[in-house]
N, C-alpha and C. Protein backbone atom coordinates (compact mmCIF):
# COMPACT_ATOMS: atom_id res chain seq x y z
N MET A 1 0.82 -1.20 0.00
CA MET A 1 0.00 0.00 0.00
C MET A 1 0.86 1.26 0.00
N ARG A 2 2.04 1.18 0.61
CA ARG A 2 2.92 2.35 0.65
C ARG A 2 3.33 2.77 -0.75
N ASP A 3 3.54 1.80 -1.65
CA ASP A 3 3.95 2.09 -3.01
C ASP A 3 2.81 2.52 -3.92
N PHE A 4 1.59 2.31 -3.49
CA PHE A 4 0.44 2.61 -4.33
C PHE A 4 0.44 4.07 -4.79
N ALA A 5 0.72 4.99 -3.91
CA ALA A 5 0.74 6.42 -4.27
C ALA A 5 1.80 6.71 -5.32
N ILE A 6 2.89 5.98 -5.29
CA ILE A 6 3.95 6.18 -6.29
C ILE A 6 3.48 5.69 -7.65
N TRP A 7 2.84 4.53 -7.68
CA TRP A 7 2.37 3.97 -8.95
C TRP A 7 1.23 4.78 -9.53
N TYR A 8 0.28 5.10 -8.68
CA TYR A 8 -0.98 5.67 -9.17
C TYR A 8 -0.82 7.11 -9.66
N THR A 9 -0.46 8.00 -8.78
CA THR A 9 -0.51 9.42 -9.11
C THR A 9 0.48 9.82 -10.20
N PRO A 10 1.77 9.68 -10.02
CA PRO A 10 2.67 10.16 -11.09
C PRO A 10 2.65 9.26 -12.32
N GLY A 11 2.55 7.97 -12.13
CA GLY A 11 2.61 7.06 -13.26
C GLY A 11 1.48 7.27 -14.25
N PHE A 12 0.26 7.29 -13.76
CA PHE A 12 -0.89 7.47 -14.65
C PHE A 12 -0.96 8.88 -15.20
N ALA A 13 -0.62 9.85 -14.36
CA ALA A 13 -0.69 11.25 -14.80
C ALA A 13 0.27 11.50 -15.95
N ASP A 14 1.46 10.92 -15.89
CA ASP A 14 2.43 11.11 -16.97
C ASP A 14 1.89 10.58 -18.29
N ALA A 15 1.28 9.39 -18.27
CA ALA A 15 0.71 8.83 -19.50
C ALA A 15 -0.42 9.73 -20.01
N CYS A 16 -1.25 10.23 -19.12
CA CYS A 16 -2.34 11.12 -19.53
C CYS A 16 -1.81 12.38 -20.19
N ARG A 17 -0.73 12.93 -19.65
CA ARG A 17 -0.14 14.14 -20.23
C ARG A 17 0.37 13.91 -21.64
N VAL A 18 0.89 12.74 -21.90
CA VAL A 18 1.36 12.42 -23.25
C VAL A 18 0.17 12.22 -24.19
N ILE A 19 -0.82 11.46 -23.74
CA ILE A 19 -1.98 11.14 -24.59
C ILE A 19 -2.79 12.39 -24.91
N VAL A 20 -2.89 13.34 -23.99
CA VAL A 20 -3.68 14.54 -24.26
C VAL A 20 -3.12 15.32 -25.45
N ASN A 21 -1.82 15.21 -25.68
CA ASN A 21 -1.19 15.90 -26.81
C ASN A 21 -1.23 15.09 -28.10
N ASP A 22 -1.40 13.78 -27.98
CA ASP A 22 -1.46 12.91 -29.16
C ASP A 22 -2.30 11.69 -28.80
N ARG A 23 -3.56 11.71 -29.19
CA ARG A 23 -4.51 10.64 -28.81
C ARG A 23 -4.04 9.26 -29.26
N ASP A 24 -3.29 9.18 -30.35
CA ASP A 24 -2.80 7.88 -30.81
C ASP A 24 -1.80 7.25 -29.85
N GLU A 25 -1.24 8.03 -28.96
CA GLU A 25 -0.32 7.48 -27.96
C GLU A 25 -1.04 6.52 -27.00
N ALA A 26 -2.37 6.55 -26.99
CA ALA A 26 -3.12 5.60 -26.17
C ALA A 26 -2.81 4.17 -26.60
N PHE A 27 -2.46 3.98 -27.87
CA PHE A 27 -2.10 2.64 -28.35
C PHE A 27 -0.74 2.20 -27.80
N ASN A 28 0.11 3.14 -27.46
CA ASN A 28 1.44 2.81 -26.94
C ASN A 28 1.49 2.77 -25.41
N LEU A 29 0.68 3.57 -24.75
CA LEU A 29 0.80 3.74 -23.30
C LEU A 29 -0.31 3.07 -22.50
N THR A 30 -1.24 2.40 -23.18
CA THR A 30 -2.32 1.68 -22.48
C THR A 30 -2.45 0.29 -23.10
N ASN A 31 -3.38 -0.47 -22.60
CA ASN A 31 -3.60 -1.81 -23.15
C ASN A 31 -4.46 -1.77 -24.42
N ARG A 32 -4.81 -0.58 -24.88
CA ARG A 32 -5.66 -0.46 -26.07
C ARG A 32 -5.06 -1.16 -27.28
N TRP A 33 -3.76 -1.18 -27.41
CA TRP A 33 -3.09 -1.75 -28.59
C TRP A 33 -3.40 -3.24 -28.77
N ASN A 34 -3.74 -3.91 -27.68
CA ASN A 34 -3.93 -5.36 -27.75
C ASN A 34 -5.30 -5.78 -27.22
N THR A 35 -6.26 -4.89 -27.27
CA THR A 35 -7.58 -5.17 -26.73
C THR A 35 -8.65 -4.91 -27.77
N ILE A 36 -9.52 -5.90 -27.97
CA ILE A 36 -10.65 -5.72 -28.87
C ILE A 36 -11.95 -6.02 -28.13
N ALA A 37 -13.03 -5.51 -28.67
CA ALA A 37 -14.36 -5.84 -28.17
C ALA A 37 -14.98 -6.87 -29.11
N VAL A 38 -15.52 -7.92 -28.54
CA VAL A 38 -16.34 -8.86 -29.31
C VAL A 38 -17.76 -8.35 -29.10
N LEU A 39 -18.25 -7.60 -30.07
CA LEU A 39 -19.48 -6.82 -29.94
C LEU A 39 -20.63 -7.51 -30.66
N THR A 40 -21.75 -7.68 -29.95
CA THR A 40 -22.92 -8.36 -30.52
C THR A 40 -24.21 -7.80 -29.96
N ASN A 41 -25.29 -8.04 -30.69
CA ASN A 41 -26.62 -7.81 -30.15
C ASN A 41 -27.38 -9.14 -30.04
N GLY A 42 -26.72 -10.22 -30.43
CA GLY A 42 -27.29 -11.56 -30.27
C GLY A 42 -28.46 -11.86 -31.17
N THR A 43 -28.54 -11.19 -32.33
CA THR A 43 -29.70 -11.39 -33.20
C THR A 43 -29.53 -12.52 -34.21
N ARG A 44 -28.34 -13.09 -34.31
CA ARG A 44 -28.14 -14.21 -35.26
C ARG A 44 -26.99 -15.08 -34.79
N VAL A 45 -27.19 -15.77 -33.70
CA VAL A 45 -26.17 -16.65 -33.15
C VAL A 45 -26.28 -18.00 -33.86
N LEU A 46 -25.17 -18.46 -34.38
CA LEU A 46 -25.14 -19.69 -35.16
C LEU A 46 -25.77 -20.85 -34.38
N GLY A 47 -26.78 -21.45 -35.00
CA GLY A 47 -27.46 -22.59 -34.40
C GLY A 47 -28.50 -22.24 -33.36
N LEU A 48 -28.54 -20.98 -32.94
CA LEU A 48 -29.48 -20.58 -31.89
C LEU A 48 -30.44 -19.48 -32.33
N GLY A 49 -30.07 -18.73 -33.36
CA GLY A 49 -30.95 -17.68 -33.88
C GLY A 49 -30.89 -16.40 -33.07
N ASN A 50 -32.03 -15.72 -33.01
CA ASN A 50 -32.14 -14.43 -32.33
C ASN A 50 -32.41 -14.68 -30.86
N ILE A 51 -31.34 -14.74 -30.07
CA ILE A 51 -31.47 -15.06 -28.65
C ILE A 51 -31.27 -13.85 -27.73
N GLY A 52 -30.87 -12.73 -28.31
CA GLY A 52 -30.70 -11.51 -27.52
C GLY A 52 -29.33 -11.39 -26.89
N PRO A 53 -29.04 -10.21 -26.35
CA PRO A 53 -27.70 -9.94 -25.84
C PRO A 53 -27.27 -10.77 -24.63
N GLU A 54 -28.14 -10.89 -23.63
CA GLU A 54 -27.73 -11.63 -22.42
C GLU A 54 -27.47 -13.09 -22.71
N VAL A 55 -28.35 -13.68 -23.51
CA VAL A 55 -28.24 -15.11 -23.79
C VAL A 55 -27.03 -15.40 -24.68
N SER A 56 -26.65 -14.44 -25.52
CA SER A 56 -25.51 -14.64 -26.42
C SER A 56 -24.17 -14.43 -25.72
N LEU A 57 -24.18 -13.87 -24.53
CA LEU A 57 -22.93 -13.56 -23.83
C LEU A 57 -21.99 -14.76 -23.66
N PRO A 58 -22.47 -15.96 -23.29
CA PRO A 58 -21.54 -17.08 -23.19
C PRO A 58 -20.83 -17.41 -24.52
N VAL A 59 -21.53 -17.22 -25.62
CA VAL A 59 -20.92 -17.47 -26.93
C VAL A 59 -19.81 -16.45 -27.18
N MET A 60 -20.07 -15.19 -26.83
CA MET A 60 -19.06 -14.14 -27.02
C MET A 60 -17.86 -14.36 -26.11
N GLU A 61 -18.11 -14.87 -24.91
CA GLU A 61 -17.00 -15.18 -24.01
C GLU A 61 -16.12 -16.27 -24.61
N GLY A 62 -16.75 -17.26 -25.23
CA GLY A 62 -15.98 -18.31 -25.90
C GLY A 62 -15.15 -17.76 -27.05
N LYS A 63 -15.71 -16.84 -27.80
CA LYS A 63 -14.97 -16.23 -28.91
C LYS A 63 -13.81 -15.39 -28.39
N ALA A 64 -14.02 -14.72 -27.26
CA ALA A 64 -12.94 -13.96 -26.65
C ALA A 64 -11.79 -14.87 -26.25
N LEU A 65 -12.11 -16.06 -25.75
CA LEU A 65 -11.06 -17.02 -25.39
C LEU A 65 -10.25 -17.46 -26.61
N ILE A 66 -10.92 -17.62 -27.74
CA ILE A 66 -10.22 -17.99 -28.97
C ILE A 66 -9.20 -16.92 -29.35
N PHE A 67 -9.60 -15.65 -29.26
CA PHE A 67 -8.67 -14.56 -29.55
C PHE A 67 -7.45 -14.63 -28.64
N LYS A 68 -7.69 -14.89 -27.36
CA LYS A 68 -6.60 -14.92 -26.38
C LYS A 68 -5.67 -16.10 -26.61
N TYR A 69 -6.24 -17.28 -26.76
CA TYR A 69 -5.40 -18.48 -26.84
C TYR A 69 -4.76 -18.69 -28.20
N LEU A 70 -5.41 -18.27 -29.25
CA LEU A 70 -4.83 -18.47 -30.58
C LEU A 70 -4.06 -17.27 -31.10
N GLY A 71 -4.39 -16.07 -30.59
CA GLY A 71 -3.74 -14.88 -31.12
C GLY A 71 -3.06 -14.01 -30.09
N GLY A 72 -3.24 -14.30 -28.81
CA GLY A 72 -2.63 -13.47 -27.78
C GLY A 72 -3.28 -12.11 -27.64
N VAL A 73 -4.49 -11.96 -28.17
CA VAL A 73 -5.20 -10.68 -28.12
C VAL A 73 -6.21 -10.72 -26.98
N ASP A 74 -6.21 -9.70 -26.16
CA ASP A 74 -7.19 -9.59 -25.09
C ASP A 74 -8.52 -9.14 -25.69
N ALA A 75 -9.54 -9.95 -25.54
CA ALA A 75 -10.85 -9.65 -26.10
C ALA A 75 -11.87 -9.59 -24.97
N ILE A 76 -12.72 -8.59 -25.03
CA ILE A 76 -13.76 -8.39 -24.03
C ILE A 76 -15.12 -8.58 -24.69
N PRO A 77 -15.93 -9.53 -24.24
CA PRO A 77 -17.26 -9.67 -24.81
C PRO A 77 -18.15 -8.51 -24.37
N VAL A 78 -18.84 -7.90 -25.34
CA VAL A 78 -19.74 -6.79 -25.06
C VAL A 78 -21.08 -7.08 -25.74
N ALA A 79 -22.08 -7.37 -24.94
CA ALA A 79 -23.42 -7.63 -25.45
C ALA A 79 -24.24 -6.35 -25.34
N VAL A 80 -24.80 -5.93 -26.48
CA VAL A 80 -25.46 -4.63 -26.58
C VAL A 80 -26.95 -4.82 -26.86
N ARG A 81 -27.78 -4.12 -26.12
CA ARG A 81 -29.21 -4.08 -26.43
C ARG A 81 -29.41 -2.86 -27.33
N ALA A 82 -29.54 -3.12 -28.63
CA ALA A 82 -29.72 -2.05 -29.61
C ALA A 82 -30.86 -2.44 -30.53
N GLU A 83 -31.80 -1.54 -30.72
CA GLU A 83 -33.00 -1.83 -31.51
C GLU A 83 -32.80 -1.59 -33.00
N SER A 84 -31.74 -0.88 -33.36
CA SER A 84 -31.52 -0.57 -34.78
C SER A 84 -30.02 -0.59 -35.06
N PRO A 85 -29.65 -0.74 -36.34
CA PRO A 85 -28.23 -0.67 -36.70
C PRO A 85 -27.61 0.67 -36.28
N GLU A 86 -28.37 1.75 -36.40
CA GLU A 86 -27.85 3.07 -36.03
C GLU A 86 -27.53 3.15 -34.54
N GLU A 87 -28.40 2.57 -33.74
CA GLU A 87 -28.17 2.56 -32.29
C GLU A 87 -26.94 1.70 -31.95
N PHE A 88 -26.80 0.57 -32.62
CA PHE A 88 -25.65 -0.31 -32.42
C PHE A 88 -24.36 0.41 -32.79
N ILE A 89 -24.37 1.09 -33.91
CA ILE A 89 -23.20 1.85 -34.37
C ILE A 89 -22.86 2.96 -33.38
N LYS A 90 -23.88 3.60 -32.85
CA LYS A 90 -23.66 4.66 -31.86
C LYS A 90 -22.94 4.11 -30.62
N VAL A 91 -23.35 2.94 -30.18
CA VAL A 91 -22.69 2.30 -29.04
C VAL A 91 -21.23 1.98 -29.38
N ALA A 92 -20.99 1.41 -30.55
CA ALA A 92 -19.63 1.07 -30.96
C ALA A 92 -18.75 2.32 -31.02
N LYS A 93 -19.27 3.40 -31.57
CA LYS A 93 -18.50 4.65 -31.64
C LYS A 93 -18.20 5.19 -30.24
N ALA A 94 -19.15 5.04 -29.33
CA ALA A 94 -18.93 5.51 -27.97
C ALA A 94 -17.85 4.69 -27.25
N LEU A 95 -17.73 3.41 -27.60
CA LEU A 95 -16.73 2.54 -26.98
C LEU A 95 -15.35 2.62 -27.65
N GLU A 96 -15.28 3.21 -28.81
CA GLU A 96 -14.06 3.21 -29.63
C GLU A 96 -12.80 3.67 -28.89
N PRO A 97 -12.85 4.67 -28.01
CA PRO A 97 -11.61 5.09 -27.34
C PRO A 97 -10.98 4.02 -26.45
N THR A 98 -11.75 3.00 -26.09
CA THR A 98 -11.26 1.96 -25.19
C THR A 98 -10.57 0.82 -25.91
N PHE A 99 -10.97 0.54 -27.13
CA PHE A 99 -10.52 -0.67 -27.81
C PHE A 99 -9.68 -0.37 -29.04
N GLY A 100 -8.74 -1.27 -29.30
CA GLY A 100 -7.94 -1.17 -30.52
C GLY A 100 -8.69 -1.66 -31.74
N GLY A 101 -9.72 -2.44 -31.53
CA GLY A 101 -10.51 -2.94 -32.65
C GLY A 101 -11.80 -3.57 -32.17
N PHE A 102 -12.65 -3.90 -33.13
CA PHE A 102 -13.93 -4.53 -32.84
C PHE A 102 -14.08 -5.78 -33.68
N ASN A 103 -14.60 -6.83 -33.08
CA ASN A 103 -15.02 -8.01 -33.80
C ASN A 103 -16.54 -8.05 -33.67
N LEU A 104 -17.23 -7.75 -34.77
CA LEU A 104 -18.69 -7.76 -34.74
C LEU A 104 -19.14 -9.20 -34.97
N GLU A 105 -19.99 -9.69 -34.07
CA GLU A 105 -20.36 -11.09 -34.07
C GLU A 105 -21.88 -11.28 -34.00
N ASP A 106 -22.34 -12.27 -34.73
CA ASP A 106 -23.69 -12.79 -34.56
C ASP A 106 -24.78 -11.70 -34.62
N ILE A 107 -24.70 -10.90 -35.68
CA ILE A 107 -25.66 -9.84 -35.93
C ILE A 107 -26.45 -10.21 -37.18
N GLN A 108 -27.77 -10.13 -37.12
CA GLN A 108 -28.61 -10.57 -38.23
C GLN A 108 -28.40 -9.73 -39.49
N SER A 109 -28.67 -10.36 -40.61
CA SER A 109 -28.62 -9.70 -41.89
C SER A 109 -29.96 -8.99 -42.11
N PRO A 110 -30.01 -7.83 -42.68
CA PRO A 110 -28.95 -7.04 -43.29
C PRO A 110 -28.25 -6.10 -42.32
N ASP A 111 -28.65 -6.11 -41.03
CA ASP A 111 -28.06 -5.19 -40.06
C ASP A 111 -26.55 -5.33 -39.95
N CYS A 112 -26.05 -6.54 -40.15
CA CYS A 112 -24.61 -6.79 -40.02
C CYS A 112 -23.79 -6.05 -41.06
N PHE A 113 -24.42 -5.66 -42.16
CA PHE A 113 -23.70 -4.97 -43.22
C PHE A 113 -23.60 -3.48 -42.93
């Protein structure tokens, strides 16, 4: 606990000062460079159909494990309740600063396009 103040305050603040001047530095100074979102609304899960976001979450967790074990990429499953493609896109855009990429999964056609 004694070292916590050393790690937290100056360490994080220094990275923030660099990123504020160049947003792309977030890829170098955070885990963003190796983190993707496995993003779904659960409307077209293979073999299960339109099961919704909560029910599709275990499938997305499995896909995240594939990214980690086969590619070394940290993947976070994100199940979204979105009624339209525009709403889904809005959510993805809002999450964009956190992730280096998105893997869109199990979204019904034509919304997936």
